[in-house]
């Protein structure tokens, strides 16, 4: 990003702008890492409850454009043009004192509008609660495993056992949704049995990307602090291999050092005198573009 302005006017914006970029980029990057680990299985963002509510929309938006297939917070989903995604909570089962009662009531009220996912580890064994709920609800979409770490054991073995019993009893169409402390390290081994994931803290508390904003030019004259290259710069993107190059601003077209193809200037004016001069892409368009980029 390049900003040209009277520094006295711009200085108060430096800290908040860096905060916007650094934290949201870290969350989007982590979402990409997690969704890559999940392969073809969808990943839904469940992490806003781990953060201050005032930044929940930013967290959800960043997770979505980074690769998540949906978000749980209603306000965030609305701003993204999506329907919120979630499952029956443990609280409902605790209040009704029974998993099948909660699932049955949910199906009765909402079954025609959304897919029903039964949470099967609140009181009893995951295997038996999965079978009870699958037998109760005709066309049950999935069972959710969210066993806390204090009683978890081996999540892969639990999921394999649930899958075996569901298949053995004819419920082959019931999917397995796994959540609870997941990240890019724990997900790959679960892919053999999981059909979808809910990932929270790993994405919402992702390390920030350590950006900085530096003065590199004053009234047309290149200048910078030690350790920084002076002068305005342009980012060039190769049309053939997606390699990125950085050169002085206004240097024109570049030849890609990787494949020899043509590298075009990538940064285009977005704001001029406080007004948009280029249409801003939708979150869905940003997500699509992000997914098209090489995963490093």
Protein backbone atom coordinates (compact mmCIF):
# COMPACT_ATOMS: atom_id res chain seq x y z
CA UNK A 1 0.00 0.00 0.00
CA UNK A 2 1.22 3.50 -0.75
CA UNK A 3 -0.24 6.61 0.88
CA UNK A 4 0.59 10.15 -0.22
CA UNK A 5 -0.60 12.91 2.11
CA UNK A 6 0.34 15.77 4.38
CA UNK A 7 1.95 13.87 7.24
CA UNK A 8 0.45 16.12 9.91
CA UNK A 9 -2.99 15.03 8.71
CA UNK A 10 -2.03 11.42 8.26
CA UNK A 11 -0.02 10.78 11.43
CA UNK A 12 -3.05 10.10 13.72
CA UNK A 13 -4.18 7.36 11.31
CA UNK A 14 -0.91 5.45 11.26
CA UNK A 15 -1.47 3.39 14.40
CA UNK A 16 -5.12 2.39 13.71
CA UNK A 17 -4.34 1.60 10.07
CA UNK A 18 -1.51 -0.71 11.10
CA UNK A 19 -3.85 -2.35 13.59
CA UNK A 20 -6.46 -2.96 10.91
CA UNK A 21 -3.92 -4.48 8.53
CA UNK A 22 -1.81 -6.48 10.97
CA UNK A 23 -4.50 -8.28 12.94
CA UNK A 24 -6.92 -8.93 10.09
CA UNK A 25 -4.11 -10.19 7.84
CA UNK A 26 -2.96 -12.56 10.57
CA UNK A 27 -6.47 -13.96 10.97
CA UNK A 28 -6.99 -14.33 7.21
CA UNK A 29 -3.62 -16.05 6.86
CA UNK A 30 -4.39 -18.49 9.66
CA UNK A 31 -7.78 -19.23 8.09
CA UNK A 32 -6.00 -20.09 4.84
CA UNK A 33 -3.58 -22.39 6.67
CA UNK A 34 -6.41 -24.16 8.52
CA UNK A 35 -8.65 -24.55 5.47
CA UNK A 36 -5.74 -25.92 3.45
CA UNK A 37 -5.20 -28.50 6.20
CA UNK A 38 -8.90 -29.47 5.97
CA UNK A 39 -8.67 -30.21 2.25
CA UNK A 40 -12.11 -30.54 0.69
CA UNK A 41 -13.91 -30.47 4.03
CA UNK A 42 -15.62 -27.16 4.85
CA UNK A 43 -14.39 -25.11 7.81
CA UNK A 44 -16.71 -22.79 9.73
CA UNK A 45 -15.42 -19.99 11.93
CA UNK A 46 -16.52 -20.34 15.56
CA UNK A 47 -13.94 -18.07 17.20
CA UNK A 48 -15.60 -14.71 17.77
CA UNK A 49 -16.62 -15.63 21.33
CA UNK A 50 -12.92 -15.72 22.23
CA UNK A 51 -12.46 -12.04 21.36
CA UNK A 52 -13.86 -8.65 22.32
CA UNK A 53 -17.34 -8.36 20.75
CA UNK A 54 -16.59 -4.99 19.18
CA UNK A 55 -14.15 -6.63 16.75
CA UNK A 56 -16.19 -9.77 16.04
CA UNK A 57 -17.23 -8.56 12.54
CA UNK A 58 -13.60 -7.90 11.61
CA UNK A 59 -12.53 -11.31 12.85
CA UNK A 60 -15.32 -13.10 10.99
CA UNK A 61 -14.75 -11.15 7.78
CA UNK A 62 -11.02 -11.89 7.89
CA UNK A 63 -11.66 -15.58 8.53
CA UNK A 64 -14.11 -15.71 5.63
CA UNK A 65 -11.89 -14.02 3.04
CA UNK A 66 -9.02 -16.22 4.23
CA UNK A 67 -10.96 -19.35 3.31
CA UNK A 68 -13.59 -20.26 5.90
CA UNK A 69 -16.89 -21.41 4.45
CA UNK A 70 -19.11 -19.63 6.95
CA UNK A 71 -19.25 -17.70 10.22
CA UNK A 72 -21.31 -18.15 13.35
CA UNK A 73 -22.01 -14.56 14.43
CA UNK A 74 -25.29 -13.24 13.04
CA UNK A 75 -24.13 -9.63 12.60
CA UNK A 76 -20.94 -10.69 10.83
CA UNK A 77 -22.80 -13.04 8.50
CA UNK A 78 -25.31 -10.32 7.63
CA UNK A 79 -22.55 -7.87 6.74
CA UNK A 80 -20.96 -10.53 4.54
CA UNK A 81 -24.24 -11.34 2.81
CA UNK A 82 -24.29 -14.85 4.30
CA UNK A 83 -26.54 -16.90 6.53
CA UNK A 84 -24.95 -17.56 9.94
CA UNK A 85 -23.77 -21.11 10.55
CA UNK A 86 -23.88 -23.06 13.79
CA UNK A 87 -25.24 -26.08 15.62
CA UNK A 88 -27.29 -26.85 18.72
CA UNK A 89 -25.32 -25.55 21.74
CA UNK A 90 -24.52 -27.47 24.89
CA UNK A 91 -26.62 -24.92 26.79
CA UNK A 92 -29.85 -26.08 25.11
CA UNK A 93 -29.17 -29.70 26.00
CA UNK A 94 -28.28 -28.79 29.59
CA UNK A 95 -31.52 -26.83 29.97
CA UNK A 96 -33.63 -29.63 28.49
CA UNK A 97 -31.61 -32.33 30.28
CA UNK A 98 -31.38 -34.60 27.25
CA UNK A 99 -29.65 -34.57 23.86
CA UNK A 100 -32.45 -36.17 21.87
CA UNK A 101 -35.06 -33.85 23.39
CA UNK A 102 -33.05 -30.82 22.27
CA UNK A 103 -32.43 -32.24 18.80
CA UNK A 104 -36.08 -33.21 18.40
CA UNK A 105 -37.31 -29.76 19.41
CA UNK A 106 -34.82 -28.07 17.08
CA UNK A 107 -35.88 -30.28 14.19
CA UNK A 108 -39.55 -29.61 14.87
CA UNK A 109 -39.09 -25.82 14.88
CA UNK A 110 -36.30 -25.27 12.35
CA UNK A 111 -35.98 -28.54 10.44
CA UNK A 112 -37.58 -27.23 7.26
CA UNK A 113 -35.29 -24.16 7.18
CA UNK A 114 -31.86 -25.51 8.08
CA UNK A 115 -30.00 -28.80 8.36
CA UNK A 116 -30.16 -30.33 11.83
CA UNK A 117 -26.84 -31.20 13.47
CA UNK A 118 -27.03 -33.13 16.75
CA UNK A 119 -24.51 -32.38 19.49
CA UNK A 120 -23.76 -35.79 20.97
CA UNK A 121 -21.29 -35.45 23.84
CA UNK A 122 -23.01 -33.38 26.53
CA UNK A 123 -24.07 -36.12 28.94
CA UNK A 124 -23.42 -39.52 27.41
CA UNK A 125 -21.13 -41.55 25.22
CA UNK A 126 -20.68 -40.08 21.74
CA UNK A 127 -21.43 -43.35 19.98
CA UNK A 128 -24.72 -44.06 21.74
CA UNK A 129 -25.96 -40.47 21.58
CA UNK A 130 -25.12 -40.39 17.86
CA UNK A 131 -27.20 -43.51 17.26
CA UNK A 132 -30.10 -42.24 19.39
CA UNK A 133 -30.25 -38.94 17.51
CA UNK A 134 -29.88 -40.54 14.08
CA UNK A 135 -32.70 -42.94 14.92
CA UNK A 136 -34.88 -40.07 16.15
CA UNK A 137 -34.43 -37.62 13.26
CA UNK A 138 -35.19 -38.85 9.77
CA UNK A 139 -32.59 -37.30 7.48
CA UNK A 140 -30.33 -36.00 10.29
CA UNK A 141 -27.57 -34.01 8.58
CA UNK A 142 -24.72 -34.59 11.02
CA UNK A 143 -23.59 -35.31 14.54
CA UNK A 144 -21.16 -32.91 16.17
CA UNK A 145 -18.26 -34.09 18.33
CA UNK A 146 -17.02 -31.38 20.69
CA UNK A 147 -15.64 -33.43 23.57
CA UNK A 148 -13.62 -31.24 25.98
CA UNK A 149 -9.91 -31.89 26.28
CA UNK A 150 -10.29 -33.01 29.90
CA UNK A 151 -12.23 -36.10 28.74
CA UNK A 152 -11.25 -36.27 25.11
CA UNK A 153 -8.97 -39.26 24.79
CA UNK A 154 -8.19 -39.74 21.11
CA UNK A 155 -10.59 -37.70 18.95
CA UNK A 156 -9.70 -39.68 15.83
CA UNK A 157 -10.60 -42.97 17.53
CA UNK A 158 -13.83 -41.49 18.91
CA UNK A 159 -14.81 -40.23 15.44
CA UNK A 160 -13.89 -43.55 13.83
CA UNK A 161 -16.01 -45.42 16.35
CA UNK A 162 -18.98 -43.11 15.77
CA UNK A 163 -18.61 -43.47 12.01
CA UNK A 164 -18.43 -47.26 12.25
CA UNK A 165 -21.58 -47.51 14.35
CA UNK A 166 -23.54 -45.06 12.20
CA UNK A 167 -22.65 -46.98 9.05
CA UNK A 168 -23.32 -50.35 10.66
CA UNK A 169 -26.82 -49.23 11.63
CA UNK A 170 -27.65 -47.82 8.21
CA UNK A 171 -26.99 -44.13 8.86
CA UNK A 172 -24.37 -43.72 6.17
CA UNK A 173 -25.73 -40.31 5.15
CA UNK A 174 -25.20 -38.78 8.59
CA UNK A 175 -22.06 -36.64 8.50
CA UNK A 176 -19.53 -36.07 11.28
CA UNK A 177 -18.85 -32.48 12.31
CA UNK A 178 -15.85 -31.98 14.62
CA UNK A 179 -14.99 -28.95 16.74
CA UNK A 180 -13.09 -28.13 19.91
CA UNK A 181 -9.50 -26.88 19.99
CA UNK A 182 -8.73 -27.69 16.36
CA UNK A 183 -5.90 -26.22 14.30
CA UNK A 184 -3.79 -27.05 11.25
CA UNK A 185 -1.81 -29.61 13.28
CA UNK A 186 -4.74 -31.65 14.54
CA UNK A 187 -7.02 -31.49 11.49
CA UNK A 188 -5.14 -33.56 8.85
CA UNK A 189 -5.45 -36.90 10.67
CA UNK A 190 -9.16 -36.28 11.18
CA UNK A 191 -9.84 -35.78 7.46
CA UNK A 192 -10.33 -39.49 6.91
CA UNK A 193 -13.51 -39.47 8.99
CA UNK A 194 -14.62 -35.82 9.42
CA UNK A 195 -16.99 -34.14 6.98
CA UNK A 196 -16.74 -30.58 8.34
CA UNK A 197 -15.04 -28.59 11.08
CA UNK A 198 -15.78 -25.75 13.45
CA UNK A 199 -12.58 -23.88 14.26
CA UNK A 200 -12.44 -21.04 16.75
CA UNK A 201 -9.51 -19.90 18.86
CA UNK A 202 -6.77 -20.99 16.44
CA UNK A 203 -8.11 -18.56 13.84
CA UNK A 204 -9.43 -15.70 15.97
CA UNK A 205 -6.25 -15.46 18.06
CA UNK A 206 -3.85 -15.85 15.14
CA UNK A 207 -0.49 -14.05 15.40
CA UNK A 208 -0.53 -10.69 13.65
CA UNK A 209 1.36 -10.08 10.43
CA UNK A 210 4.08 -7.64 11.44
CA UNK A 211 3.54 -4.77 8.99
CA UNK A 212 5.08 -1.33 9.33
CA UNK A 213 4.40 2.05 7.74
CA UNK A 214 7.47 4.11 6.86
CA UNK A 215 8.13 7.43 5.23
CA UNK A 216 10.12 6.70 2.07
CA UNK A 217 9.67 9.96 0.17
CA UNK A 218 9.22 13.63 1.12
CA UNK A 219 8.01 16.07 -1.54
CA UNK A 220 9.30 13.81 -4.31
CA UNK A 221 12.72 13.19 -2.76
CA UNK A 222 13.61 9.61 -1.72
CA UNK A 223 14.38 9.29 1.98
CA UNK A 224 14.11 6.58 4.62
CA UNK A 225 15.42 5.47 7.99
CA UNK A 226 18.26 2.99 8.30
CA UNK A 227 17.34 -0.50 7.19
CA UNK A 228 14.62 0.64 4.78
CA UNK A 229 14.89 1.22 1.06
CA UNK A 230 13.97 4.78 0.16
CA UNK A 231 11.60 5.90 -2.57
CA UNK A 232 8.04 5.00 -3.55
CA UNK A 233 7.67 1.42 -4.76
CA UNK A 234 5.40 -0.59 -6.99
CA UNK A 235 4.44 -4.25 -6.72
CA UNK A 236 4.59 -6.19 -9.97
CA UNK A 237 2.70 -9.43 -10.54
CA UNK A 238 3.69 -11.93 -13.23
CA UNK A 239 0.70 -12.98 -15.32
CA UNK A 240 2.22 -16.40 -15.99
CA UNK A 241 3.62 -17.72 -12.70
CA UNK A 242 2.21 -15.27 -10.11
CA UNK A 243 5.68 -14.27 -8.93
CA UNK A 244 5.83 -10.90 -7.20
CA UNK A 245 8.50 -8.29 -7.82
CA UNK A 246 9.12 -4.93 -6.16
CA UNK A 247 10.71 -2.00 -8.00
CA UNK A 248 10.70 1.77 -8.00
CA UNK A 249 7.31 3.33 -8.60
CA UNK A 250 6.80 4.28 -12.26
CA UNK A 251 9.39 1.84 -13.56
CA UNK A 252 6.91 0.49 -16.14
CA UNK A 253 6.40 -3.15 -17.09
CA UNK A 254 8.88 -5.69 -15.79
CA UNK A 255 10.18 -9.02 -17.01
CA UNK A 256 9.60 -11.80 -14.53
CA UNK A 257 12.85 -13.15 -13.13
CA UNK A 258 11.20 -16.53 -12.62
CA UNK A 259 9.58 -17.53 -15.92
CA UNK A 260 10.50 -14.59 -18.15
CA UNK A 261 6.87 -13.58 -18.57
CA UNK A 262 5.40 -10.08 -18.30
CA UNK A 263 4.97 -8.61 -14.83
CA UNK A 264 2.36 -5.88 -14.64
CA UNK A 265 2.03 -3.12 -12.01
CA UNK A 266 -0.35 -4.47 -9.39
CA UNK A 267 -1.11 -1.47 -7.19
CA UNK A 268 -3.85 0.75 -8.61
CA UNK A 269 -5.28 4.01 -7.22
CA UNK A 270 -8.17 3.34 -4.85
CA UNK A 271 -8.70 6.67 -3.08
CA UNK A 272 -7.98 10.17 -4.36
CA UNK A 273 -8.76 13.29 -2.35
CA UNK A 274 -10.81 11.18 0.00
CA UNK A 275 -13.04 9.65 -2.69
CA UNK A 276 -13.13 6.17 -4.17
CA UNK A 277 -11.82 6.09 -7.73
CA UNK A 278 -12.08 2.31 -8.09
CA UNK A 279 -14.87 -0.05 -7.07
CA UNK A 280 -14.05 -2.05 -3.99
CA UNK A 281 -14.40 -5.86 -4.30
CA UNK A 282 -16.94 -7.75 -2.23
CA UNK A 283 -15.78 -10.16 0.51
CA UNK A 284 -16.75 -13.05 -1.77
CA UNK A 285 -14.59 -11.65 -4.59
CA UNK A 286 -11.67 -11.14 -2.20
CA UNK A 287 -12.07 -14.71 -0.95
CA UNK A 288 -12.12 -16.09 -4.50
CA UNK A 289 -9.01 -14.12 -5.41
CA UNK A 290 -7.25 -15.19 -2.22
CA UNK A 291 -8.01 -18.85 -2.91
CA UNK A 292 -6.54 -18.51 -6.41
CA UNK A 293 -3.15 -17.45 -5.06
CA UNK A 294 -0.37 -20.00 -4.49
CA UNK A 295 -0.21 -21.43 -1.00
CA UNK A 296 3.29 -20.87 0.37
